[in-house]
Amino acid sequence: MLMVIYSLSQASDDTWSIRRAGTTLFSQLRLGPAIQLARETARDEHMRSGRSISVEMPGPVSNIRLAQYARQAPMPQSAVA
């Protein structure tokens, strides 16, 4: 299963947007609140769906990962009592 990525992008007016799969979810945010909201939204989706989710923003050389919620591997049958 592919990882879902929430991405932050900066607008020309120095506000930030949160996008998921090419769709803008939130816009016209300051950077701090945008990071916080993206992390909360990603964590909520991970808790509800169990999917692996990452929050990223552009950096000077490559994307910067701000959060990652990994899908847990199933427990082996021998570990289940």
Protein backbone atom coordinates (compact mmCIF):
# COMPACT_ATOMS: atom_id res chain seq x y z
CA MET A 1 0.00 0.00 0.00
CA LEU A 2 1.32 3.44 -0.89
CA MET A 3 2.02 6.13 1.66
CA VAL A 4 -0.40 9.06 1.76
CA ILE A 5 1.42 12.40 1.70
CA TYR A 6 0.12 15.67 3.10
CA SER A 7 2.21 18.48 1.64
CA LEU A 8 2.61 22.11 2.59
CA SER A 9 3.07 24.62 -0.19
CA GLN A 10 3.86 28.31 0.02
CA ALA A 11 1.81 30.89 -1.89
CA SER A 12 3.17 34.11 -3.35
CA ASP A 13 1.68 36.08 -0.42
CA ASP A 14 3.77 34.00 2.06
CA THR A 15 0.78 32.03 3.33
CA TRP A 16 0.74 28.24 3.27
CA SER A 17 -1.66 25.59 1.99
CA ILE A 18 -2.11 21.96 2.98
CA ARG A 19 -2.65 19.54 0.10
CA ARG A 20 -3.44 15.84 -0.12
CA ALA A 21 -3.44 13.92 -3.41
CA GLY A 22 -3.47 17.13 -5.45
CA THR A 23 -6.41 18.62 -3.55
CA THR A 24 -6.07 21.73 -1.38
CA LEU A 25 -7.60 21.02 2.02
CA PHE A 26 -6.71 24.27 3.80
CA SER A 27 -5.19 27.54 2.57
CA GLN A 28 -4.06 31.00 3.65
CA LEU A 29 -2.40 29.76 6.85
CA ARG A 30 0.72 31.00 8.59
CA LEU A 31 3.53 28.44 8.65
CA GLY A 32 3.26 27.38 12.32
CA PRO A 33 -0.49 26.75 12.27
CA ALA A 34 -0.18 25.05 8.86
CA ILE A 35 2.38 22.57 10.20
CA GLN A 36 0.29 21.89 13.30
CA LEU A 37 -2.93 21.39 11.31
CA ALA A 38 -1.24 19.14 8.75
CA ARG A 39 0.20 16.94 11.51
CA GLU A 40 -3.15 16.73 13.32
CA THR A 41 -5.03 15.92 10.11
CA ALA A 42 -2.50 13.26 9.10
CA ARG A 43 -2.47 11.69 12.56
CA ASP A 44 -6.28 11.58 12.57
CA GLU A 45 -6.40 9.87 9.17
CA HIS A 46 -3.73 7.39 10.29
CA MET A 47 -5.67 6.55 13.47
CA ARG A 48 -8.91 6.05 11.52
CA SER A 49 -7.52 4.14 8.53
CA GLY A 50 -4.25 2.56 9.69
CA ARG A 51 -2.55 3.82 6.51
CA SER A 52 1.04 5.06 6.44
CA ILE A 53 0.98 8.85 6.23
CA SER A 54 3.68 11.50 5.91
CA VAL A 55 3.65 15.29 6.23
CA GLU A 56 6.20 17.13 4.07
CA MET A 57 7.17 20.63 3.08
CA PRO A 58 9.61 21.92 0.47
CA GLY A 59 13.18 22.48 1.61
CA PRO A 60 16.14 24.13 -0.11
CA VAL A 61 17.39 20.86 -1.63
CA SER A 62 14.62 18.30 -1.08
CA ASN A 63 11.38 17.86 0.83
CA ILE A 64 11.53 18.00 4.62
CA ARG A 65 9.52 15.33 6.42
CA LEU A 66 7.68 16.95 9.32
CA ALA A 67 5.83 13.86 10.55
CA GLN A 68 5.39 10.22 9.65
CA TYR A 69 2.74 7.84 10.89
CA ALA A 70 3.72 4.34 9.86
CA ARG A 71 1.43 1.42 9.33
CA GLN A 72 2.07 -1.18 12.00
CA ALA A 73 3.15 -4.60 10.84
CA PRO A 74 0.75 -7.40 11.80
CA MET A 75 1.80 -9.52 14.77
CA PRO A 76 3.13 -12.95 13.82
CA GLN A 77 0.77 -15.81 14.72
CA SER A 78 3.39 -17.31 17.08
CA ALA A 79 3.26 -14.11 19.18
CA VAL A 80 -0.49 -14.33 19.65
CA ALA A 81 -1.27 -16.41 22.74
